[in-house]
Amino acid sequence: MRKLAVTLALATTALSTPALARDDAWYVGVEGGTMLVEDIDFDVGGLIDVATVDHKKPGWDADAVVGYDLGVFRLEAEVGYRSANVDSFRSGTTTPVIGGPAARPGTFDYAGGRSSALSFMVNGLWDFGDDDGVQGFVGPGLGIARVKHRIGLTTAGDFLDDSDTVVAWQAIAGIRAPLSDNVDVSLKYRFFNAPGVTVVDSVGREWYGRFRSHSILGGLVFNFGAPEPEPTPEPTPTPTWTPTPEPTPTPPPVVCTPGPYIVFFDWDKSDITPEAASILDNAISNYQNCGNSQVMLAGHADRSGPASYNVGLSQRRADSVKAYLTARGISDGVITTQAFGESRPRVETADGVRELQNRRVEITYGPGSGQ
């Protein structure tokens, strides 16, 4: 189980492209699977590590989550329950026996009972990989757990049947893949730790220990985020009748202002901001003086992400500007887009540095544009 968990964790960290799927969207999910509980060593009545409870066979683990996807980071609330049977009990001191004399120190393979933990956790998860393929995720969790131990040596009753609420933490690593626009499946490893558990046996002695488990869980997640809308189609012009105007003096020749017009973007975004919309409206107005000239859109990115990812990001930015222009009357057929990624910075920076001047699209008009 532990070797499988380590392998799964290493596999997920190998996926290093930032994830953008279902940004700014809520999701819910359910998970379930198998679990191994580590041997529990107890301090009993002041005696250190004098008793041990073994859970040799796997138990089970299930939980439900509700979370919010912020892009490369997710924040979620989780309620979970895990349980495993007691298979044997070793004690270096006397053990109470319901309905009989106390048992002397020894190993009791016939011991029975169950250890369980009900938890309420808050998890922070980082996503890695493409939105439309397999993604990895890792992260920690912190919360509280209600840990219960029930152990007995005879069918007459349990010498330990008590619970305690403690602070708990966990470490998570896994992979997920989309089944549809809104549904994902996942496979997850979880290490769960609830230290400092104190319970009291039938003769009033305190038992102090901790609950640790390793789980492999399969999950199903429903995302409430909608797919990105299709680009707005170019409106069909409405035929109109215009009367012949009276002859007017020949106006001075108009001058085409070829640009470049430059619009900037927020970090890791391709949305048109209000400031960018104002610049684009001015560029569209000036295009009326350029006839049916070629339009070149050159997309760029800063150096804060991988080079291959930045090429795609700069292409999405150019596509956003193209959609804005075509929705306002400029023909799709005269527009050419090109993605340069981080290769042509406006401001030279070191790798990994965010720079607004480099997150841009440059628009130019006239002969030679797009060459």
Protein backbone atom coordinates (compact mmCIF):
# COMPACT_ATOMS: atom_id res chain seq x y z
CA MET A 1 0.00 0.00 0.00
CA ARG A 2 2.76 2.50 0.94
CA LYS A 3 4.79 1.77 -2.25
CA LEU A 4 1.66 2.31 -4.35
CA ALA A 5 0.99 5.61 -2.58
CA VAL A 6 4.52 6.92 -3.20
CA THR A 7 4.36 5.91 -6.89
CA LEU A 8 1.04 7.70 -7.32
CA ALA A 9 2.35 10.86 -5.68
CA LEU A 10 5.45 10.97 -7.93
CA ALA A 11 3.34 10.41 -11.04
CA THR A 12 1.08 13.35 -10.29
CA THR A 13 3.94 15.81 -9.70
CA ALA A 14 5.38 14.96 -13.13
CA LEU A 15 2.53 16.84 -14.82
CA SER A 16 3.69 20.46 -14.77
CA THR A 17 1.41 22.51 -17.07
CA PRO A 18 -0.93 24.99 -15.28
CA ALA A 19 -4.58 23.90 -15.26
CA LEU A 20 -7.33 26.34 -16.26
CA ALA A 21 -10.43 24.11 -16.47
CA ARG A 22 -13.61 25.18 -14.71
CA ASP A 23 -12.09 28.37 -13.35
CA ASP A 24 -14.28 30.26 -10.85
CA ALA A 25 -16.73 27.36 -10.49
CA TRP A 26 -18.15 25.25 -7.64
CA TYR A 27 -18.00 21.45 -7.60
CA VAL A 28 -19.22 18.52 -5.46
CA GLY A 29 -17.91 14.97 -5.26
CA VAL A 30 -18.02 11.59 -3.53
CA GLU A 31 -15.13 9.16 -2.97
CA GLY A 32 -14.63 5.70 -1.56
CA GLY A 33 -12.05 2.97 -1.34
CA THR A 34 -9.78 0.79 0.76
CA MET A 35 -7.68 1.80 3.76
CA LEU A 36 -4.88 0.43 5.96
CA VAL A 37 -4.60 1.59 9.58
CA GLU A 38 -1.09 1.66 11.07
CA ASP A 39 -0.53 -0.28 14.32
CA ILE A 40 -1.66 1.88 17.24
CA ASP A 41 0.71 2.04 20.24
CA PHE A 42 -0.94 3.19 23.48
CA ASP A 43 0.44 4.70 26.68
CA VAL A 44 -1.73 3.20 29.43
CA GLY A 45 -1.94 4.68 32.92
CA GLY A 46 1.48 6.35 32.62
CA LEU A 47 3.22 3.32 31.05
CA ILE A 48 4.75 4.26 27.67
CA ASP A 49 3.90 2.15 24.56
CA VAL A 50 2.68 -0.68 26.75
CA ALA A 51 -0.20 -1.80 24.49
CA THR A 52 -0.54 -2.23 20.70
CA VAL A 53 -3.65 -2.72 18.56
CA ASP A 54 -3.16 -4.37 15.13
CA HIS A 55 -5.44 -3.88 12.09
CA LYS A 56 -4.00 -6.47 9.70
CA LYS A 57 -6.83 -6.46 7.18
CA PRO A 58 -7.82 -3.43 5.07
CA GLY A 59 -10.73 -1.31 6.21
CA TRP A 60 -12.77 1.16 4.21
CA ASP A 61 -12.78 4.93 3.72
CA ALA A 62 -15.46 7.21 2.20
CA ASP A 63 -16.03 10.94 2.02
CA ALA A 64 -17.95 13.76 0.32
CA VAL A 65 -16.50 17.12 -0.76
CA VAL A 66 -17.74 20.53 -1.88
CA GLY A 67 -15.19 22.97 -3.28
CA TYR A 68 -14.39 25.97 -5.44
CA ASP A 69 -11.99 25.87 -8.40
CA LEU A 70 -9.81 29.01 -8.61
CA GLY A 71 -7.80 27.77 -11.62
CA VAL A 72 -4.50 26.16 -10.65
CA PHE A 73 -5.70 26.00 -7.00
CA ARG A 74 -8.82 24.47 -5.43
CA LEU A 75 -10.22 24.96 -1.94
CA GLU A 76 -12.65 22.34 -0.61
CA ALA A 77 -14.49 21.21 2.51
CA GLU A 78 -14.59 17.46 3.19
CA VAL A 79 -16.49 15.18 5.55
CA GLY A 80 -15.12 11.63 5.76
CA TYR A 81 -15.50 8.38 7.68
CA ARG A 82 -13.01 5.52 7.88
CA SER A 83 -13.21 2.23 9.80
CA ALA A 84 -11.17 -0.97 10.27
CA ASN A 85 -11.57 -4.13 12.38
CA VAL A 86 -9.20 -4.97 15.24
CA ASP A 87 -7.36 -8.25 14.49
CA SER A 88 -5.10 -8.67 17.53
CA PHE A 89 -4.05 -6.95 20.75
CA ARG A 90 -0.73 -6.99 22.64
CA SER A 91 -0.34 -5.68 26.18
CA GLY A 92 2.54 -5.37 28.63
CA THR A 93 0.16 -4.73 31.52
CA THR A 94 -3.04 -6.24 32.84
CA THR A 95 -6.12 -5.90 30.67
CA PRO A 96 -9.67 -5.68 32.04
CA VAL A 97 -11.95 -8.54 31.00
CA ILE A 98 -15.70 -7.99 31.22
CA GLY A 99 -17.28 -10.82 33.20
CA GLY A 100 -13.96 -12.31 34.38
CA PRO A 101 -10.59 -11.67 36.04
CA ALA A 102 -8.14 -9.26 34.42
CA ALA A 103 -5.93 -10.79 31.72
CA ARG A 104 -2.20 -10.92 32.31
CA PRO A 105 0.26 -9.29 29.86
CA GLY A 106 0.43 -11.09 26.51
CA THR A 107 -0.71 -11.26 22.90
CA PHE A 108 -4.41 -11.84 22.21
CA ASP A 109 -5.03 -12.91 18.61
CA TYR A 110 -8.69 -13.50 19.43
CA ALA A 111 -9.28 -9.86 20.40
CA GLY A 112 -12.05 -8.08 18.51
CA GLY A 113 -13.42 -4.64 17.95
CA ARG A 114 -13.14 -1.69 15.63
CA SER A 115 -11.26 1.62 15.24
CA SER A 116 -12.88 4.47 13.31
CA ALA A 117 -12.57 8.20 12.63
CA LEU A 118 -15.18 10.74 11.54
CA SER A 119 -13.40 13.81 10.12
CA PHE A 120 -14.26 17.33 9.00
CA MET A 121 -11.40 18.79 6.91
CA VAL A 122 -10.50 21.78 4.74
CA ASN A 123 -8.18 20.90 1.82
CA GLY A 124 -6.04 23.08 -0.48
CA LEU A 125 -5.16 21.39 -3.78
CA TRP A 126 -2.88 22.41 -6.66
CA ASP A 127 -3.76 21.11 -10.17
CA PHE A 128 -1.23 20.16 -12.87
CA GLY A 129 -1.91 19.23 -16.51
CA ASP A 130 -4.20 19.97 -19.47
CA ASP A 131 -7.91 20.64 -18.92
CA ASP A 132 -9.06 18.14 -21.55
CA GLY A 133 -6.79 15.28 -20.41
CA VAL A 134 -5.42 13.65 -17.28
CA GLN A 135 -4.60 16.14 -14.50
CA GLY A 136 -2.58 15.62 -11.33
CA PHE A 137 -3.24 17.28 -8.00
CA VAL A 138 -1.49 17.49 -4.60
CA GLY A 139 -2.17 19.31 -1.37
CA PRO A 140 -2.66 19.25 2.41
CA GLY A 141 -5.75 19.25 4.61
CA LEU A 142 -6.46 20.37 8.18
CA GLY A 143 -9.47 19.86 10.44
CA ILE A 144 -10.85 17.83 13.34
CA ALA A 145 -11.57 14.12 13.79
CA ARG A 146 -13.76 12.13 16.17
CA VAL A 147 -11.68 8.96 16.78
CA LYS A 148 -13.33 5.94 18.42
CA HIS A 149 -11.80 2.68 19.73
CA ARG A 150 -13.86 -0.37 20.69
CA ILE A 151 -11.78 -3.38 21.87
CA GLY A 152 -12.71 -6.53 23.81
CA LEU A 153 -11.27 -9.92 24.73
CA THR A 154 -14.56 -11.76 25.28
CA THR A 155 -18.10 -11.68 23.95
CA ALA A 156 -19.25 -10.39 27.35
CA GLY A 157 -18.27 -6.81 26.51
CA ASP A 158 -15.51 -4.39 25.54
CA PHE A 159 -12.87 -3.23 28.02
CA LEU A 160 -12.30 -0.13 25.84
CA ASP A 161 -15.24 1.69 24.24
CA ASP A 162 -14.58 5.43 24.09
CA SER A 163 -13.91 8.30 21.66
CA ASP A 164 -12.04 11.61 21.56
CA THR A 165 -12.10 14.69 19.29
CA VAL A 166 -8.67 15.97 18.18
CA VAL A 167 -7.05 18.17 15.54
CA ALA A 168 -6.18 16.12 12.42
CA TRP A 169 -4.23 16.70 9.21
CA GLN A 170 -3.80 14.87 5.93
CA ALA A 171 -1.71 14.82 2.73
CA ILE A 172 -3.34 14.14 -0.65
CA ALA A 173 -2.05 13.24 -4.13
CA GLY A 174 -4.04 12.01 -7.10
CA ILE A 175 -5.09 12.20 -10.74
CA ARG A 176 -8.38 13.09 -12.40
CA ALA A 177 -9.77 12.95 -15.95
CA PRO A 178 -12.95 14.37 -17.55
CA LEU A 179 -15.83 12.12 -18.57
CA SER A 180 -17.77 15.10 -19.96
CA ASP A 181 -17.84 18.91 -19.73
CA ASN A 182 -19.11 18.68 -16.14
CA VAL A 183 -18.13 15.24 -14.77
CA ASP A 184 -14.66 14.02 -13.70
CA VAL A 185 -13.39 10.70 -12.34
CA SER A 186 -10.46 10.63 -9.91
CA LEU A 187 -8.00 8.27 -8.21
CA LYS A 188 -6.48 9.56 -4.97
CA TYR A 189 -4.01 8.56 -2.25
CA ARG A 190 -4.53 10.00 1.24
CA PHE A 191 -2.36 9.88 4.36
CA PHE A 192 -4.50 10.74 7.40
CA ASN A 193 -3.13 11.51 10.87
CA ALA A 194 -5.05 12.22 14.09
CA PRO A 195 -2.50 12.49 16.96
CA GLY A 196 -3.07 12.90 20.68
CA VAL A 197 -6.16 10.67 21.03
CA THR A 198 -7.04 9.99 24.70
CA VAL A 199 -9.68 7.38 25.64
CA VAL A 200 -10.63 5.75 28.96
CA ASP A 201 -11.06 2.00 29.59
CA SER A 202 -13.61 0.22 31.76
CA VAL A 203 -11.52 0.61 34.94
CA GLY A 204 -10.82 4.33 34.45
CA ARG A 205 -7.29 4.21 32.99
CA GLU A 206 -6.39 6.68 30.22
CA TRP A 207 -5.13 5.25 26.91
CA TYR A 208 -3.10 7.74 24.87
CA GLY A 209 -2.25 7.12 21.19
CA ARG A 210 -2.85 8.26 17.63
CA PHE A 211 -4.81 7.16 14.53
CA ARG A 212 -2.94 6.99 11.19
CA SER A 213 -4.21 5.53 7.93
CA HIS A 214 -3.32 5.18 4.22
CA SER A 215 -6.19 5.16 1.70
CA ILE A 216 -6.63 4.63 -2.05
CA LEU A 217 -9.91 6.23 -3.18
CA GLY A 218 -11.88 6.36 -6.42
CA GLY A 219 -14.07 9.41 -6.91
CA LEU A 220 -16.75 11.06 -9.04
CA VAL A 221 -16.92 14.88 -9.26
CA PHE A 222 -19.62 17.13 -10.73
CA ASN A 223 -18.46 20.60 -11.83
CA PHE A 224 -20.96 23.45 -12.04
CA GLY A 225 -18.80 25.51 -14.44
CA ALA A 226 -20.21 25.85 -17.97
CA PRO A 227 -18.08 25.34 -21.11
CA GLU A 228 -16.69 28.50 -22.71
CA PRO A 229 -19.25 30.10 -25.08
CA GLU A 230 -18.83 29.84 -28.83
CA PRO A 231 -17.48 32.99 -30.55
CA THR A 232 -20.17 35.48 -31.53
CA PRO A 233 -20.92 35.06 -35.26
CA GLU A 234 -20.46 38.03 -37.56
CA PRO A 235 -23.80 39.88 -37.87
CA THR A 236 -25.51 39.83 -41.27
CA PRO A 237 -25.86 43.37 -42.63
CA THR A 238 -29.44 44.58 -43.06
CA PRO A 239 -30.12 46.02 -46.56
CA THR A 240 -31.03 49.70 -46.41
CA TRP A 241 -32.04 52.34 -48.97
CA THR A 242 -30.09 55.57 -48.93
CA PRO A 243 -31.19 58.55 -51.07
CA THR A 244 -28.63 60.03 -53.44
CA PRO A 245 -26.89 62.82 -51.56
CA GLU A 246 -26.47 66.30 -52.95
CA PRO A 247 -23.05 66.89 -54.51
CA THR A 248 -20.57 68.04 -51.91
CA PRO A 249 -17.07 69.36 -52.19
CA THR A 250 -14.43 66.67 -52.44
CA PRO A 251 -13.14 66.08 -48.91
CA PRO A 252 -9.43 65.87 -48.26
CA PRO A 253 -8.05 62.34 -48.68
CA VAL A 254 -8.35 60.20 -45.57
CA VAL A 255 -5.22 58.77 -44.03
CA CYS A 256 -5.05 55.17 -42.81
CA THR A 257 -3.47 54.93 -39.37
CA PRO A 258 -1.89 51.44 -39.46
CA GLY A 259 -1.00 51.22 -35.77
CA PRO A 260 0.26 49.31 -33.98
CA TYR A 261 -2.59 49.41 -31.48
CA ILE A 262 -1.59 47.54 -28.30
CA VAL A 263 -3.94 46.01 -25.73
CA PHE A 264 -2.77 44.43 -22.48
CA PHE A 265 -4.11 41.47 -20.47
CA ASP A 266 -4.29 40.38 -16.86
CA TRP A 267 -1.89 37.62 -15.76
CA ASP A 268 -2.76 34.18 -17.20
CA LYS A 269 -5.95 35.62 -18.77
CA SER A 270 -7.25 36.19 -22.30
CA ASP A 271 -10.33 38.24 -21.38
CA ILE A 272 -10.81 41.71 -22.92
CA THR A 273 -10.58 44.27 -20.09
CA PRO A 274 -12.51 47.59 -20.17
CA GLU A 275 -9.23 49.43 -20.90
CA ALA A 276 -8.47 47.07 -23.78
CA ALA A 277 -12.02 47.47 -25.16
CA SER A 278 -11.54 51.27 -25.33
CA ILE A 279 -8.33 50.86 -27.34
CA LEU A 280 -9.96 48.29 -29.65
CA ASP A 281 -12.93 50.61 -30.28
CA ASN A 282 -10.50 53.33 -31.37
CA ALA A 283 -8.67 50.88 -33.62
CA ILE A 284 -11.97 49.79 -35.21
CA SER A 285 -12.90 53.44 -35.84
CA ASN A 286 -9.55 54.11 -37.53
CA TYR A 287 -9.90 50.96 -39.65
CA GLN A 288 -12.72 52.67 -41.56
CA ASN A 289 -10.00 54.83 -43.18
CA CYS A 290 -8.01 51.81 -44.32
CA GLY A 291 -10.45 50.29 -46.81
CA ASN A 292 -10.42 46.51 -46.69
CA SER A 293 -6.80 46.31 -45.57
CA GLN A 294 -5.20 43.23 -44.09
CA VAL A 295 -5.31 43.08 -40.25
CA MET A 296 -2.51 41.39 -38.30
CA LEU A 297 -2.99 40.28 -34.66
CA ALA A 298 0.25 39.33 -32.89
CA GLY A 299 -0.27 37.64 -29.51
CA HIS A 300 2.40 37.73 -26.79
CA ALA A 301 2.91 36.50 -23.20
CA ASP A 302 5.28 37.27 -20.36
CA ARG A 303 7.84 34.74 -19.05
CA SER A 304 5.97 33.62 -15.92
CA GLY A 305 4.98 30.20 -17.30
CA PRO A 306 6.39 27.38 -19.49
CA ALA A 307 7.24 28.48 -23.05
CA SER A 308 4.90 25.94 -24.69
CA TYR A 309 2.01 27.02 -22.48
CA ASN A 310 2.68 30.70 -23.23
CA VAL A 311 2.40 30.06 -26.99
CA GLY A 312 -1.12 28.73 -26.44
CA LEU A 313 -1.97 31.59 -24.07
CA SER A 314 -0.81 34.21 -26.60
CA GLN A 315 -2.92 32.49 -29.29
CA ARG A 316 -6.01 32.66 -27.04
CA ARG A 317 -5.39 36.36 -26.50
CA ALA A 318 -5.14 36.95 -30.26
CA ASP A 319 -8.35 34.94 -30.75
CA SER A 320 -10.15 37.08 -28.13
CA VAL A 321 -9.16 40.27 -29.99
CA LYS A 322 -10.21 38.70 -33.31
CA ALA A 323 -13.65 37.82 -31.89
CA TYR A 324 -14.02 41.40 -30.61
CA LEU A 325 -13.15 42.88 -34.05
CA THR A 326 -15.37 40.54 -36.09
CA ALA A 327 -18.30 41.12 -33.73
CA ARG A 328 -18.00 44.82 -34.59
CA GLY A 329 -17.95 44.59 -38.35
CA ILE A 330 -14.40 43.78 -39.46
CA SER A 331 -14.46 40.80 -41.82
CA ASP A 332 -12.99 37.54 -40.56
CA GLY A 333 -11.33 37.01 -43.94
CA VAL A 334 -8.95 39.97 -43.62
CA ILE A 335 -7.68 39.06 -40.13
CA THR A 336 -4.52 37.02 -39.55
CA THR A 337 -3.41 35.85 -36.10
CA GLN A 338 0.02 34.73 -34.95
CA ALA A 339 1.17 33.54 -31.50
CA PHE A 340 4.71 34.48 -30.42
CA GLY A 341 4.46 33.31 -26.79
CA GLU A 342 7.27 34.82 -24.72
CA SER A 343 9.75 35.06 -27.63
CA ARG A 344 9.27 38.80 -28.38
CA PRO A 345 9.05 40.67 -25.05
CA ARG A 346 8.31 44.39 -25.05
CA VAL A 347 10.26 44.61 -21.78
CA GLU A 348 13.17 42.23 -21.19
CA THR A 349 12.78 40.22 -17.96
CA ALA A 350 14.22 37.14 -16.32
CA ASP A 351 12.44 33.81 -16.76
CA GLY A 352 9.43 33.43 -14.45
CA VAL A 353 8.82 37.21 -14.02
CA ARG A 354 5.30 38.61 -14.55
CA GLU A 355 5.31 41.76 -16.72
CA LEU A 356 2.13 43.56 -17.87
CA GLN A 357 3.86 45.15 -20.91
CA ASN A 358 4.61 41.66 -22.28
CA ARG A 359 1.04 40.30 -21.88
CA ARG A 360 -0.33 41.93 -25.01
CA VAL A 361 -1.75 41.74 -28.53
CA GLU A 362 -0.49 44.15 -31.21
CA ILE A 363 -2.89 45.14 -34.05
CA THR A 364 -1.59 46.56 -37.36
CA TYR A 365 -3.37 47.49 -40.63
CA GLY A 366 -2.37 47.89 -44.24
CA PRO A 367 -0.18 46.25 -46.90
CA GLY A 368 2.37 43.84 -45.52
CA SER A 369 0.52 43.21 -42.25
CA GLY A 370 0.73 39.60 -41.23
CA GLN A 371 3.92 39.00 -43.27
